[in-house]
N, C-alpha and C. Protein backbone atom coordinates (compact mmCIF):
# COMPACT_ATOMS: atom_id res chain seq x y z
N UNK A 1 0.85 -1.19 0.00
CA UNK A 1 0.00 0.00 0.00
C UNK A 1 0.89 1.24 0.00
N UNK A 2 0.91 1.96 -1.09
CA UNK A 2 1.68 3.22 -1.12
C UNK A 2 0.73 4.37 -0.85
N UNK A 3 1.26 5.51 -0.51
CA UNK A 3 0.44 6.66 -0.16
C UNK A 3 -0.18 7.34 -1.36
N UNK A 4 0.00 6.80 -2.56
CA UNK A 4 -0.52 7.44 -3.78
C UNK A 4 -2.05 7.50 -3.76
N UNK A 5 -2.67 6.47 -3.29
CA UNK A 5 -4.14 6.40 -3.35
C UNK A 5 -4.80 7.37 -2.38
N UNK A 6 -4.09 7.76 -1.35
CA UNK A 6 -4.66 8.69 -0.40
C UNK A 6 -5.71 8.04 0.49
N UNK A 7 -5.66 6.73 0.61
CA UNK A 7 -6.61 6.02 1.46
C UNK A 7 -5.87 5.45 2.65
N UNK A 8 -6.55 5.36 3.78
CA UNK A 8 -5.95 4.68 4.92
C UNK A 8 -6.08 3.17 4.67
N UNK A 9 -5.10 2.40 5.06
CA UNK A 9 -5.14 0.96 4.79
C UNK A 9 -6.43 0.29 5.27
N UNK A 10 -7.02 0.78 6.34
CA UNK A 10 -8.22 0.15 6.88
C UNK A 10 -9.44 0.31 5.99
N UNK A 11 -9.46 1.37 5.17
CA UNK A 11 -10.67 1.65 4.37
C UNK A 11 -10.96 0.52 3.39
N UNK A 12 -9.91 0.08 2.71
CA UNK A 12 -10.11 -0.97 1.71
C UNK A 12 -10.65 -2.22 2.39
N UNK A 13 -10.06 -2.58 3.52
CA UNK A 13 -10.52 -3.77 4.24
C UNK A 13 -11.99 -3.63 4.61
N UNK A 14 -12.39 -2.45 5.06
CA UNK A 14 -13.79 -2.24 5.43
C UNK A 14 -14.69 -2.40 4.21
N UNK A 15 -14.26 -1.84 3.07
CA UNK A 15 -15.06 -1.97 1.85
C UNK A 15 -15.22 -3.43 1.49
N UNK A 16 -14.13 -4.17 1.57
CA UNK A 16 -14.18 -5.60 1.22
C UNK A 16 -15.12 -6.32 2.18
N UNK A 17 -14.99 -6.00 3.47
CA UNK A 17 -15.84 -6.64 4.47
C UNK A 17 -17.31 -6.35 4.15
N UNK A 18 -17.61 -5.07 3.86
CA UNK A 18 -18.99 -4.68 3.56
C UNK A 18 -19.48 -5.43 2.33
N UNK A 19 -18.62 -5.51 1.31
CA UNK A 19 -18.99 -6.22 0.08
C UNK A 19 -19.30 -7.68 0.37
N UNK A 20 -18.46 -8.29 1.21
CA UNK A 20 -18.69 -9.69 1.55
C UNK A 20 -19.99 -9.86 2.31
N UNK A 21 -20.27 -8.90 3.20
CA UNK A 21 -21.51 -8.96 3.97
C UNK A 21 -22.70 -8.86 3.01
N UNK A 22 -22.62 -7.91 2.06
CA UNK A 22 -23.71 -7.75 1.09
C UNK A 22 -23.91 -9.05 0.32
N UNK A 23 -22.79 -9.63 -0.12
CA UNK A 23 -22.89 -10.85 -0.92
C UNK A 23 -23.50 -11.98 -0.10
N UNK A 24 -23.07 -12.10 1.15
CA UNK A 24 -23.61 -13.14 2.01
C UNK A 24 -25.11 -12.94 2.18
N UNK A 25 -25.52 -11.68 2.38
CA UNK A 25 -26.93 -11.37 2.54
C UNK A 25 -27.70 -11.74 1.26
N UNK A 26 -27.12 -11.39 0.12
CA UNK A 26 -27.77 -11.68 -1.16
C UNK A 26 -27.90 -13.19 -1.33
N UNK A 27 -26.83 -13.91 -0.99
CA UNK A 27 -26.87 -15.37 -1.12
C UNK A 27 -27.94 -15.96 -0.21
N UNK A 28 -28.06 -15.40 1.00
CA UNK A 28 -29.08 -15.90 1.92
C UNK A 28 -30.47 -15.71 1.31
N UNK A 29 -30.69 -14.51 0.74
CA UNK A 29 -32.00 -14.24 0.12
C UNK A 29 -32.25 -15.20 -1.03
N UNK A 30 -31.22 -15.43 -1.84
CA UNK A 30 -31.37 -16.36 -2.96
C UNK A 30 -31.71 -17.75 -2.45
N UNK A 31 -31.03 -18.16 -1.38
CA UNK A 31 -31.29 -19.49 -0.83
C UNK A 31 -32.74 -19.58 -0.34
N UNK A 32 -33.21 -18.53 0.33
CA UNK A 32 -34.60 -18.52 0.79
C UNK A 32 -35.54 -18.65 -0.40
N UNK A 33 -35.26 -17.86 -1.45
CA UNK A 33 -36.14 -17.87 -2.62
C UNK A 33 -36.10 -19.26 -3.25
N UNK A 34 -34.89 -19.84 -3.37
CA UNK A 34 -34.77 -21.17 -3.94
C UNK A 34 -35.54 -22.19 -3.11
N UNK A 35 -35.42 -22.07 -1.79
CA UNK A 35 -36.13 -23.00 -0.90
C UNK A 35 -37.63 -22.87 -1.11
N UNK A 36 -38.12 -21.63 -1.20
CA UNK A 36 -39.55 -21.42 -1.42
C UNK A 36 -39.98 -22.02 -2.75
N UNK A 37 -39.19 -21.75 -3.80
CA UNK A 37 -39.52 -22.29 -5.12
C UNK A 37 -39.53 -23.81 -5.07
N UNK A 38 -38.52 -24.38 -4.42
CA UNK A 38 -38.43 -25.84 -4.33
C UNK A 38 -39.65 -26.39 -3.61
N UNK A 39 -40.05 -25.71 -2.50
CA UNK A 39 -41.20 -26.19 -1.74
C UNK A 39 -42.44 -26.12 -2.62
N UNK A 40 -42.58 -25.01 -3.36
CA UNK A 40 -43.75 -24.85 -4.22
C UNK A 40 -43.75 -25.93 -5.30
N UNK A 41 -42.56 -26.16 -5.89
CA UNK A 41 -42.47 -27.20 -6.93
C UNK A 41 -42.81 -28.56 -6.35
N UNK A 42 -42.32 -28.83 -5.14
CA UNK A 42 -42.59 -30.12 -4.51
C UNK A 42 -44.09 -30.28 -4.28
N UNK A 43 -44.73 -29.21 -3.81
CA UNK A 43 -46.18 -29.27 -3.59
C UNK A 43 -46.88 -29.58 -4.90
N UNK A 44 -46.47 -28.86 -5.96
CA UNK A 44 -47.09 -29.06 -7.26
C UNK A 44 -46.84 -30.49 -7.72
N UNK A 45 -45.58 -30.94 -7.58
CA UNK A 45 -45.24 -32.30 -7.98
C UNK A 45 -46.03 -33.31 -7.17
N UNK A 46 -46.08 -33.09 -5.85
CA UNK A 46 -46.79 -34.00 -4.98
C UNK A 46 -48.26 -34.10 -5.37
N UNK A 47 -48.88 -32.96 -5.62
CA UNK A 47 -50.29 -32.95 -6.01
C UNK A 47 -50.45 -33.68 -7.34
N UNK A 48 -49.57 -33.41 -8.29
CA UNK A 48 -49.64 -34.06 -9.59
C UNK A 48 -49.50 -35.56 -9.47
N UNK A 49 -48.56 -35.99 -8.63
CA UNK A 49 -48.34 -37.43 -8.45
C UNK A 49 -49.55 -38.08 -7.80
N UNK A 50 -50.15 -37.39 -6.82
CA UNK A 50 -51.34 -37.95 -6.18
C UNK A 50 -52.46 -38.11 -7.20
N UNK A 51 -52.63 -37.06 -8.04
CA UNK A 51 -53.67 -37.12 -9.06
C UNK A 51 -53.40 -38.30 -9.99
N UNK A 52 -52.14 -38.43 -10.42
CA UNK A 52 -51.82 -39.52 -11.35
C UNK A 52 -52.03 -40.87 -10.69
N UNK A 53 -51.68 -40.96 -9.41
CA UNK A 53 -51.86 -42.24 -8.69
C UNK A 53 -53.34 -42.58 -8.62
N UNK A 54 -54.17 -41.59 -8.31
CA UNK A 54 -55.61 -41.83 -8.25
C UNK A 54 -56.12 -42.26 -9.63
N UNK A 55 -55.63 -41.57 -10.68
CA UNK A 55 -56.04 -41.91 -12.04
C UNK A 55 -55.64 -43.35 -12.35
N UNK A 56 -54.42 -43.72 -11.99
CA UNK A 56 -53.93 -45.07 -12.24
C UNK A 56 -54.79 -46.08 -11.50
N UNK A 57 -55.16 -45.75 -10.24
CA UNK A 57 -55.97 -46.68 -9.45
C UNK A 57 -57.34 -46.88 -10.12
N UNK A 58 -57.95 -45.79 -10.57
CA UNK A 58 -59.27 -45.95 -11.19
C UNK A 58 -59.13 -46.67 -12.54
N UNK A 59 -58.02 -46.44 -13.24
CA UNK A 59 -57.78 -47.19 -14.48
C UNK A 59 -57.69 -48.67 -14.18
N UNK A 60 -56.99 -49.02 -13.11
CA UNK A 60 -56.84 -50.43 -12.73
C UNK A 60 -58.21 -51.02 -12.42
N UNK A 61 -59.04 -50.26 -11.69
CA UNK A 61 -60.38 -50.74 -11.35
C UNK A 61 -61.17 -51.01 -12.63
N UNK A 62 -61.09 -50.05 -13.57
CA UNK A 62 -61.82 -50.22 -14.83
C UNK A 62 -61.31 -51.45 -15.57
N UNK A 63 -59.98 -51.62 -15.58
CA UNK A 63 -59.41 -52.78 -16.27
C UNK A 63 -59.91 -54.07 -15.63
N UNK A 64 -59.95 -54.09 -14.30
CA UNK A 64 -60.43 -55.29 -13.61
C UNK A 64 -61.88 -55.57 -13.98
N UNK A 65 -62.69 -54.51 -14.03
CA UNK A 65 -64.10 -54.67 -14.41
C UNK A 65 -64.18 -55.24 -15.82
N UNK A 66 -63.39 -54.65 -16.73
CA UNK A 66 -63.40 -55.13 -18.11
C UNK A 66 -63.00 -56.60 -18.17
N UNK A 67 -61.94 -56.94 -17.45
CA UNK A 67 -61.46 -58.32 -17.45
C UNK A 67 -62.56 -59.26 -16.96
N UNK A 68 -63.22 -58.90 -15.86
CA UNK A 68 -64.28 -59.75 -15.32
C UNK A 68 -65.41 -59.90 -16.34
N UNK A 69 -65.76 -58.76 -16.97
CA UNK A 69 -66.84 -58.79 -17.95
C UNK A 69 -66.45 -59.72 -19.10
N UNK A 70 -65.19 -59.58 -19.58
CA UNK A 70 -64.74 -60.41 -20.70
C UNK A 70 -64.72 -61.87 -20.28
N UNK A 71 -64.26 -62.12 -19.05
CA UNK A 71 -64.19 -63.51 -18.60
C UNK A 71 -65.59 -64.11 -18.51
N UNK A 72 -66.56 -63.31 -18.08
CA UNK A 72 -67.93 -63.81 -17.96
C UNK A 72 -68.51 -64.15 -19.31
N UNK A 73 -68.14 -63.37 -20.34
CA UNK A 73 -68.72 -63.61 -21.67
C UNK A 73 -68.26 -64.93 -22.23
N UNK A 74 -67.05 -65.35 -21.89
CA UNK A 74 -66.52 -66.57 -22.52
C UNK A 74 -67.16 -67.82 -21.94
């Protein structure tokens, strides 16, 4: 550090510290947003999977009915 810049050595360190604090804060916010998005996606996925599972179950029931009907005809 030469005296050309006219800054006290501590100033740069403080700026860096502040910058790191800002970045950490920003990262925390991003993580929160990501967590919220993930939770929302999981809810959507979970609901979709439940719907599909119910659909599959009713399809199976219909297939069983069809099979019984076909078996009775023979």
